[in-house]
Protein backbone atom coordinates (compact mmCIF):
# COMPACT_ATOMS: atom_id res chain seq x y z
CA MET A 1 -16.13 3.52 -13.33
CA ALA A 2 -13.88 2.62 -16.30
CA THR A 3 -15.27 0.28 -18.79
CA ASP A 4 -12.36 -1.15 -20.44
CA SER A 5 -8.63 -1.72 -19.65
CA PRO A 6 -7.10 1.50 -18.20
CA ASN A 7 -4.17 1.62 -20.66
CA GLY A 8 -2.74 3.60 -23.75
CA PRO A 9 -2.29 6.93 -24.70
CA SER A 10 -6.14 7.90 -24.79
CA TYR A 11 -6.71 6.80 -21.46
CA ASP A 12 -3.45 9.00 -20.00
CA ALA A 13 -4.53 12.11 -21.99
CA LEU A 14 -8.14 11.49 -20.76
CA MET A 15 -6.72 11.33 -16.91
CA GLU A 16 -4.18 14.05 -17.35
CA THR A 17 -6.85 16.39 -18.89
CA GLY A 18 -9.37 15.72 -16.18
CA ARG A 19 -6.86 16.20 -13.56
CA ARG A 20 -5.92 19.79 -14.98
CA LEU A 21 -9.60 20.69 -16.09
CA PHE A 22 -11.32 19.57 -12.78
CA TRP A 23 -8.64 21.24 -10.65
CA LYS A 24 -8.90 24.43 -12.28
CA HIS A 25 -12.73 24.49 -13.03
CA GLY A 26 -14.32 21.88 -10.39
CA ILE A 27 -16.10 18.69 -11.80
CA SER A 28 -19.78 20.15 -12.30
CA ARG A 29 -18.59 22.85 -14.99
CA VAL A 30 -16.62 20.57 -17.02
CA SER A 31 -18.19 18.81 -19.93
CA VAL A 32 -17.41 15.61 -21.70
CA THR A 33 -17.28 17.62 -24.99
CA GLU A 34 -14.63 19.94 -23.25
CA LEU A 35 -12.59 16.77 -21.91
CA CYS A 36 -12.39 15.48 -25.33
CA ARG A 37 -11.44 18.42 -27.23
CA GLU A 38 -8.57 18.90 -24.60
CA ALA A 39 -7.49 15.44 -24.50
CA GLY A 40 -7.68 15.29 -28.36
CA VAL A 41 -9.88 11.96 -28.29
CA SER A 42 -13.45 11.18 -29.63
CA LYS A 43 -16.59 10.87 -27.52
CA MET A 44 -16.39 7.20 -28.96
CA THR A 45 -12.94 6.98 -27.47
CA PHE A 46 -13.95 8.46 -24.16
CA TYR A 47 -17.09 6.23 -23.46
CA ARG A 48 -14.78 3.41 -24.34
CA TYR A 49 -12.86 3.56 -21.16
CA PHE A 50 -15.34 5.66 -18.73
CA SER A 51 -19.22 5.31 -18.33
CA GLY A 52 -19.48 9.28 -17.91
CA LYS A 53 -17.87 12.33 -16.61
CA ASN A 54 -18.10 11.21 -12.86
CA ALA A 55 -16.39 7.97 -13.89
CA LEU A 56 -13.34 9.98 -14.82
CA ALA A 57 -13.40 12.36 -12.00
CA ILE A 58 -13.78 9.50 -9.43
CA ALA A 59 -10.69 7.65 -11.44
CA VAL A 60 -8.75 10.78 -11.33
CA LEU A 61 -9.47 11.56 -7.46
CA THR A 62 -8.87 7.72 -6.41
CA GLN A 63 -5.39 8.14 -8.05
CA VAL A 64 -4.82 11.37 -6.55
CA PHE A 65 -6.22 9.95 -2.95
CA GLU A 66 -4.08 7.09 -3.01
CA ALA A 67 -0.84 8.94 -3.65
CA ALA A 68 -2.12 11.05 -0.74
CA LYS A 69 -2.58 8.04 1.55
CA ALA A 70 0.22 6.60 0.73
CA GLU A 71 2.34 9.33 1.47
CA TYR A 72 0.43 10.21 4.96
CA ARG A 73 0.96 6.47 5.80
CA ASP A 74 4.64 6.63 5.25
CA ILE A 75 4.81 10.08 7.59
CA MET A 76 2.80 8.46 10.10
CA THR A 77 4.94 5.05 10.48
CA ARG A 78 8.20 7.09 10.51
CA ASP A 79 10.44 6.78 13.67
CA ILE A 80 10.33 10.24 14.74
CA PRO A 81 8.35 11.96 17.36
CA PHE A 82 4.67 12.59 17.12
CA ALA A 83 5.05 16.08 16.99
CA ASP A 84 7.20 16.06 13.82
CA LYS A 85 4.57 13.54 12.04
CA ILE A 86 2.15 16.24 12.47
CA ARG A 87 4.58 19.08 11.19
CA ASP A 88 4.97 16.66 8.18
CA THR A 89 1.36 16.22 7.87
CA VAL A 90 0.78 19.93 7.67
CA LEU A 91 3.42 20.69 4.90
CA MET A 92 2.01 17.37 3.12
CA LYS A 93 -1.37 19.11 3.24
CA LEU A 94 0.18 22.44 2.26
CA GLU A 95 1.76 20.95 -1.22
CA ARG A 96 -1.41 18.85 -1.78
CA SER A 97 -3.54 21.96 -1.60
CA ARG A 98 -1.27 23.58 -4.40
CA ASP A 99 -3.28 24.65 -7.40
CA ILE A 100 -6.84 23.40 -6.41
CA SER A 101 -9.87 25.55 -6.91
CA ASP A 102 -12.64 26.78 -4.96
CA GLU A 103 -14.95 25.12 -7.30
CA LEU A 104 -13.23 21.80 -7.07
CA VAL A 105 -13.35 22.28 -3.09
CA THR A 106 -17.02 22.79 -3.43
CA ASP A 107 -17.84 19.75 -5.66
CA ILE A 108 -15.84 17.84 -3.22
CA TYR A 109 -17.36 18.93 0.10
CA LYS A 110 -21.10 20.25 -1.18
CA SER A 111 -21.58 17.97 -4.14
CA GLN A 112 -25.41 17.48 -4.73
CA ASP A 113 -24.60 14.60 -7.22
CA GLU A 114 -25.32 11.33 -5.38
CA GLU A 115 -22.92 9.33 -6.82
CA LEU A 116 -19.91 11.66 -5.98
CA MET A 117 -21.46 12.30 -2.51
CA ALA A 118 -21.13 8.70 -1.67
CA PHE A 119 -17.62 8.35 -3.39
CA PHE A 120 -16.47 11.32 -1.21
CA ALA A 121 -18.18 10.18 1.87
CA LYS A 122 -16.57 6.94 1.68
CA HIS A 123 -13.23 8.41 1.44
CA ARG A 124 -13.57 10.79 4.18
CA ALA A 125 -14.79 7.90 6.58
CA MET A 126 -11.64 5.71 5.67
CA VAL A 127 -9.53 8.51 6.30
CA ILE A 128 -10.82 9.66 9.48
CA GLU A 129 -10.83 5.81 10.77
CA GLU A 130 -6.93 5.62 9.75
CA SER A 131 -6.28 8.82 11.29
CA MET A 132 -8.00 7.77 14.37
CA GLY A 133 -6.03 4.68 14.88
CA TYR A 134 -2.58 6.70 14.49
CA TYR A 135 -3.90 9.23 17.16
CA ARG A 136 -4.98 6.12 19.59
CA GLU A 137 -1.48 4.70 19.27
CA ALA A 138 0.13 8.06 19.81
CA GLN A 139 -1.83 8.58 22.99
CA ALA A 140 -1.30 5.29 24.17
CA LYS A 141 2.31 5.98 23.91
CA GLY A 142 2.11 8.99 25.92
CA GLU A 143 2.81 11.44 22.56
CA LEU A 144 -0.55 12.93 22.67
CA ASN A 145 -2.46 14.50 25.71
CA PRO A 146 -3.98 11.76 27.74
CA HIS A 147 -6.48 13.82 28.85
CA PHE A 148 -7.83 14.50 25.56
CA ASN A 149 -11.16 13.12 24.19
CA LEU A 150 -10.57 11.24 21.14
CA GLN A 151 -14.41 10.77 20.62
CA PHE A 152 -14.24 14.68 20.35
CA MET A 153 -11.19 14.47 17.79
CA HIS A 154 -13.35 12.15 15.86
CA PHE A 155 -16.52 14.39 15.84
CA THR A 156 -14.21 17.37 15.12
CA LEU A 157 -12.47 15.34 11.80
CA GLU A 158 -15.72 14.60 10.51
CA HIS A 159 -17.00 18.27 10.62
CA ILE A 160 -13.87 20.47 10.12
CA ASN A 161 -14.10 19.93 6.27
CA ASP A 162 -17.39 21.50 6.41
CA TRP A 163 -15.60 24.89 7.42
CA VAL A 164 -13.50 24.83 3.98
CA THR A 165 -16.78 25.95 2.35
CA ARG A 166 -18.65 28.12 5.09
CA PRO A 167 -19.12 31.52 3.27
CA GLU A 168 -17.61 33.44 6.57
CA ILE A 169 -14.63 31.61 6.47
CA VAL A 170 -14.07 31.83 2.72
CA GLN A 171 -14.47 35.78 3.26
CA MET A 172 -11.53 35.64 5.79
CA TYR A 173 -9.36 33.62 3.65
CA PRO A 174 -10.50 34.01 -0.03
CA ASP A 175 -7.40 31.91 -1.32
CA VAL A 176 -8.18 28.31 -0.84
CA ARG A 177 -4.65 27.35 0.15
CA ASP A 178 -4.67 29.96 3.02
CA ARG A 179 -8.08 28.57 4.04
CA VAL A 180 -6.78 25.00 4.24
CA MET A 181 -3.59 25.88 6.20
CA ALA A 182 -5.34 28.33 8.45
CA ILE A 183 -7.80 25.30 9.35
CA THR A 184 -5.19 22.83 9.56
CA HIS A 185 -2.91 25.03 12.03
CA PHE A 186 -5.94 25.05 14.10
CA PHE A 187 -6.81 21.65 14.35
CA PHE A 188 -3.16 20.41 14.91
CA TYR A 189 -1.63 23.32 17.01
CA GLY A 190 -4.85 25.34 18.47
CA LEU A 191 -4.66 28.68 19.88
CA ALA A 192 -1.27 28.27 21.42
CA GLY A 193 0.16 27.93 17.93
CA GLU A 194 3.30 26.15 16.60
CA ARG A 195 6.82 27.54 17.46
CA ASN A 196 7.76 27.86 13.70
CA PRO A 197 4.53 28.44 12.04
CA ILE A 198 4.27 26.72 8.49
CA GLU A 199 3.49 29.70 5.93
CA ALA A 200 1.72 29.29 2.54
CA LYS A 201 3.86 30.13 -0.25
């Protein structure tokens, strides 16, 4: 993780450059040399803030994930029908999948790097647990199908992300945003669909 106080223009430049390059090329295909060149900083400066490329990637992704979590919490705690919360969640996922590359998706869901694997696994577990809390509350209020087994939903949430990188689904939906939306729509709306389906634009 960061090894110095995260402040100053060099730190900001590295964070911004990391966000841009990781989103375009993924984490594994980007080097420290490229990050430094694009950010206009020296390697000495890079290592003043980060212990390595993974540390920068984790810092960037933590910032993005925390912003997404705050937005999700805002949606789920609004005083609106649960169906509207689901729709707003789908819209959020659509917007946040903008500009993400297949390379980054693969690194997130199929990384073989132990440090990154541990980071992503911890993040996914936290997201699933928080989501299940909202679903349990909605079911108790009668806003979610009372006959639906929430343990099955928990199982589905744990495995549905694997679909994003499955070759068969990638072939059906080459564009990652279309793929994310197809999976999200299926999870929330099932075969019956939603009256006003949300389109990726």
